[in-house]
Amino acid sequence: MNFDKLPGAWFALSGLVYLVGLLVCVVFAPYGFAVGFAAGGALVLGNAWISARKIKRTSFQDKTRTTVLLLADFYARLILLGICFYVFLKFLNVDPLGLVTGLSVVPVGLIVMLVLIQIANRRPEEV
């Protein structure tokens, strides 16, 4: 198994889960819920993408300095996400349940990836 491709596969599957969920929300859910799902999913996917880029570009020669910089970047993005959630809930009046559901696309993408890995790693006798 090539472990270097796992983050890209996880992000792609999370994006697929986001698109399928957004389509389901647009068809079956109220407008506010769909907007909340779209906003939450976009925020969490953007955050994951920025995190991956930051870690990929970081050199780990000075581990203490690198750890401090990565943690500072993480907390800065966490604060920014909190501000975005506040703006979405207070001023844009998105549905909070839709927003929280949108935040779940990355963990669901991880579960889908793990299930697909489990299915792919079965021997022919097990199928």
C-alpha atoms as a PDB file:
ATOM      1  CA  MET A   1       0.000   0.000   0.000  1.00  0.00           C
ATOM      2  CA  ASN A   2       1.321   3.437  -0.923  1.00  0.00           C
ATOM      3  CA  PHE A   3       0.802   5.565   2.182  1.00  0.00           C
ATOM      4  CA  ASP A   4       1.815   8.786   0.393  1.00  0.00           C
ATOM      5  CA  LYS A   5      -1.426   8.759  -1.592  1.00  0.00           C
ATOM      6  CA  LEU A   6      -3.747   8.312   1.413  1.00  0.00           C
ATOM      7  CA  PRO A   7      -4.218  12.026   2.221  1.00  0.00           C
ATOM      8  CA  GLY A   8      -5.144  12.784  -1.383  1.00  0.00           C
ATOM      9  CA  ALA A   9      -7.544   9.847  -1.496  1.00  0.00           C
ATOM     10  CA  TRP A  10      -9.074  10.925   1.820  1.00  0.00           C
ATOM     11  CA  PHE A  11      -9.578  14.461   0.540  1.00  0.00           C
ATOM     12  CA  ALA A  12     -11.077  13.224  -2.740  1.00  0.00           C
ATOM     13  CA  LEU A  13     -13.482  10.895  -0.946  1.00  0.00           C
ATOM     14  CA  SER A  14     -14.422  13.667   1.490  1.00  0.00           C
ATOM     15  CA  GLY A  15     -15.129  15.926  -1.481  1.00  0.00           C
ATOM     16  CA  LEU A  16     -17.263  13.209  -3.041  1.00  0.00           C
ATOM     17  CA  VAL A  17     -19.191  12.771   0.221  1.00  0.00           C
ATOM     18  CA  TYR A  18     -19.640  16.559   0.309  1.00  0.00           C
ATOM     19  CA  LEU A  19     -20.998  16.687  -3.250  1.00  0.00           C
ATOM     20  CA  VAL A  20     -23.374  13.758  -2.712  1.00  0.00           C
ATOM     21  CA  GLY A  21     -24.548  15.234   0.589  1.00  0.00           C
ATOM     22  CA  LEU A  22     -25.043  18.633  -1.004  1.00  0.00           C
ATOM     23  CA  LEU A  23     -27.091  17.109  -3.808  1.00  0.00           C
ATOM     24  CA  VAL A  24     -29.246  15.219  -1.291  1.00  0.00           C
ATOM     25  CA  CYS A  25     -29.703  18.378   0.791  1.00  0.00           C
ATOM     26  CA  VAL A  26     -30.717  20.472  -2.210  1.00  0.00           C
ATOM     27  CA  VAL A  27     -33.264  17.879  -3.308  1.00  0.00           C
ATOM     28  CA  PHE A  28     -34.729  16.765   0.026  1.00  0.00           C
ATOM     29  CA  ALA A  29     -33.883  19.338   2.729  1.00  0.00           C
ATOM     30  CA  PRO A  30     -35.100  22.866   3.366  1.00  0.00           C
ATOM     31  CA  TYR A  31     -33.108  25.759   1.940  1.00  0.00           C
ATOM     32  CA  GLY A  32     -31.574  26.814   5.278  1.00  0.00           C
ATOM     33  CA  PHE A  33     -30.343  23.305   6.014  1.00  0.00           C
ATOM     34  CA  ALA A  34     -28.781  22.993   2.560  1.00  0.00           C
ATOM     35  CA  VAL A  35     -27.025  26.341   2.951  1.00  0.00           C
ATOM     36  CA  GLY A  36     -25.749  25.289   6.381  1.00  0.00           C
ATOM     37  CA  PHE A  37     -24.489  21.978   4.989  1.00  0.00           C
ATOM     38  CA  ALA A  38     -22.772  23.752   2.104  1.00  0.00           C
ATOM     39  CA  ALA A  39     -21.121  26.283   4.416  1.00  0.00           C
ATOM     40  CA  GLY A  40     -19.984  23.736   7.006  1.00  0.00           C
ATOM     41  CA  GLY A  41     -18.665  21.304   4.418  1.00  0.00           C
ATOM     42  CA  ALA A  42     -16.822  24.017   2.516  1.00  0.00           C
ATOM     43  CA  LEU A  43     -15.212  25.310   5.713  1.00  0.00           C
ATOM     44  CA  VAL A  44     -14.030  21.910   6.893  1.00  0.00           C
ATOM     45  CA  LEU A  45     -12.759  20.855   3.450  1.00  0.00           C
ATOM     46  CA  GLY A  46     -10.944  24.168   3.055  1.00  0.00           C
ATOM     47  CA  ASN A  47      -9.409  23.746   6.489  1.00  0.00           C
ATOM     48  CA  ALA A  48      -8.252  20.209   5.674  1.00  0.00           C
ATOM     49  CA  TRP A  49      -6.785  21.349   2.352  1.00  0.00           C
ATOM     50  CA  ILE A  50      -4.873  24.228   3.961  1.00  0.00           C
ATOM     51  CA  SER A  51      -3.597  21.908   6.716  1.00  0.00           C
ATOM     52  CA  ALA A  52      -2.327  19.371   4.210  1.00  0.00           C
ATOM     53  CA  ARG A  53      -0.567  22.040   2.153  1.00  0.00           C
ATOM     54  CA  LYS A  54       1.041  23.531   5.255  1.00  0.00           C
ATOM     55  CA  ILE A  55       2.352  20.176   6.472  1.00  0.00           C
ATOM     56  CA  LYS A  56       3.560  19.160   3.010  1.00  0.00           C
ATOM     57  CA  ARG A  57       5.578  22.376   2.589  1.00  0.00           C
ATOM     58  CA  THR A  58       7.092  22.248   6.082  1.00  0.00           C
ATOM     59  CA  SER A  59      10.632  21.014   6.557  1.00  0.00           C
ATOM     60  CA  PHE A  60      11.075  19.085   9.776  1.00  0.00           C
ATOM     61  CA  GLN A  61      14.732  19.883  10.372  1.00  0.00           C
ATOM     62  CA  ASP A  62      14.171  21.908  13.564  1.00  0.00           C
ATOM     63  CA  LYS A  63      11.415  19.894  15.223  1.00  0.00           C
ATOM     64  CA  THR A  64      10.727  22.280  18.106  1.00  0.00           C
ATOM     65  CA  ARG A  65      10.330  25.323  15.875  1.00  0.00           C
ATOM     66  CA  THR A  66       8.281  23.353  13.352  1.00  0.00           C
ATOM     67  CA  THR A  67       5.959  22.039  16.058  1.00  0.00           C
ATOM     68  CA  VAL A  68       5.399  25.529  17.438  1.00  0.00           C
ATOM     69  CA  LEU A  69       4.684  26.943  13.975  1.00  0.00           C
ATOM     70  CA  LEU A  70       2.278  24.131  13.068  1.00  0.00           C
ATOM     71  CA  LEU A  71       0.418  24.472  16.376  1.00  0.00           C
ATOM     72  CA  ALA A  72       0.212  28.249  15.996  1.00  0.00           C
ATOM     73  CA  ASP A  73      -1.157  27.817  12.479  1.00  0.00           C
ATOM     74  CA  PHE A  74      -3.662  25.230  13.725  1.00  0.00           C
ATOM     75  CA  TYR A  75      -4.947  27.481  16.494  1.00  0.00           C
ATOM     76  CA  ALA A  76      -5.142  30.470  14.154  1.00  0.00           C
ATOM     77  CA  ARG A  77      -7.283  28.444  11.741  1.00  0.00           C
ATOM     78  CA  LEU A  78      -9.381  27.172  14.645  1.00  0.00           C
ATOM     79  CA  ILE A  79     -10.079  30.737  15.771  1.00  0.00           C
ATOM     80  CA  LEU A  80     -10.892  31.744  12.201  1.00  0.00           C
ATOM     81  CA  LEU A  81     -13.318  28.811  11.905  1.00  0.00           C
ATOM     82  CA  GLY A  82     -15.002  29.884  15.125  1.00  0.00           C
ATOM     83  CA  ILE A  83     -15.415  33.408  13.778  1.00  0.00           C
ATOM     84  CA  CYS A  84     -16.855  32.023  10.530  1.00  0.00           C
ATOM     85  CA  PHE A  85     -19.330  29.880  12.482  1.00  0.00           C
ATOM     86  CA  TYR A  86     -20.396  32.902  14.502  1.00  0.00           C
ATOM     87  CA  VAL A  87     -20.933  34.977  11.360  1.00  0.00           C
ATOM     88  CA  PHE A  88     -22.874  32.168   9.678  1.00  0.00           C
ATOM     89  CA  LEU A  89     -25.131  31.619  12.671  1.00  0.00           C
ATOM     90  CA  LYS A  90     -25.604  35.207  13.813  1.00  0.00           C
ATOM     91  CA  PHE A  91     -25.741  37.235  10.621  1.00  0.00           C
ATOM     92  CA  LEU A  92     -26.452  34.808   7.772  1.00  0.00           C
ATOM     93  CA  ASN A  93     -28.996  32.755   9.765  1.00  0.00           C
ATOM     94  CA  VAL A  94     -27.949  29.350   8.453  1.00  0.00           C
ATOM     95  CA  ASP A  95     -29.443  26.265  10.047  1.00  0.00           C
ATOM     96  CA  PRO A  96     -27.145  25.119  12.906  1.00  0.00           C
ATOM     97  CA  LEU A  97     -28.000  21.466  12.328  1.00  0.00           C
ATOM     98  CA  GLY A  98     -27.090  21.810   8.646  1.00  0.00           C
ATOM     99  CA  LEU A  99     -23.823  23.511   9.602  1.00  0.00           C
ATOM    100  CA  VAL A 100     -22.871  20.718  11.998  1.00  0.00           C
ATOM    101  CA  THR A 101     -23.892  18.093   9.449  1.00  0.00           C
ATOM    102  CA  GLY A 102     -21.662  19.794   6.885  1.00  0.00           C
ATOM    103  CA  LEU A 103     -18.751  19.584   9.301  1.00  0.00           C
ATOM    104  CA  SER A 104     -19.051  15.809   9.302  1.00  0.00           C
ATOM    105  CA  VAL A 105     -18.006  15.318   5.663  1.00  0.00           C
ATOM    106  CA  VAL A 106     -14.321  14.846   6.503  1.00  0.00           C
ATOM    107  CA  PRO A 107     -14.878  12.128   9.159  1.00  0.00           C
ATOM    108  CA  VAL A 108     -17.405  10.390   6.897  1.00  0.00           C
ATOM    109  CA  GLY A 109     -14.861  10.569   4.062  1.00  0.00           C
ATOM    110  CA  LEU A 110     -12.350   8.863   6.361  1.00  0.00           C
ATOM    111  CA  ILE A 111     -14.831   6.097   7.196  1.00  0.00           C
ATOM    112  CA  VAL A 112     -15.609   5.574   3.490  1.00  0.00           C
ATOM    113  CA  MET A 113     -11.895   5.373   2.721  1.00  0.00           C
ATOM    114  CA  LEU A 114     -11.297   2.831   5.489  1.00  0.00           C
ATOM    115  CA  VAL A 115     -14.205   0.688   4.274  1.00  0.00           C
ATOM    116  CA  LEU A 116     -12.871   0.800   0.712  1.00  0.00           C
ATOM    117  CA  ILE A 117      -9.374  -0.146   1.927  1.00  0.00           C
ATOM    118  CA  GLN A 118     -10.838  -3.061   3.878  1.00  0.00           C
ATOM    119  CA  ILE A 119     -12.782  -4.245   0.826  1.00  0.00           C
ATOM    120  CA  ALA A 120      -9.740  -3.875  -1.452  1.00  0.00           C
ATOM    121  CA  ASN A 121      -7.440  -5.820   0.869  1.00  0.00           C
ATOM    122  CA  ARG A 122      -9.589  -8.960   1.012  1.00  0.00           C
ATOM    123  CA  ARG A 123      -8.235 -12.112  -0.502  1.00  0.00           C
ATOM    124  CA  PRO A 124     -10.298 -13.864  -3.207  1.00  0.00           C
ATOM    125  CA  GLU A 125     -11.145 -16.665  -0.755  1.00  0.00           C
ATOM    126  CA  GLU A 126     -12.798 -14.155   1.584  1.00  0.00           C
ATOM    127  CA  VAL A 127     -15.064 -12.586  -1.022  1.00  0.00           C
END
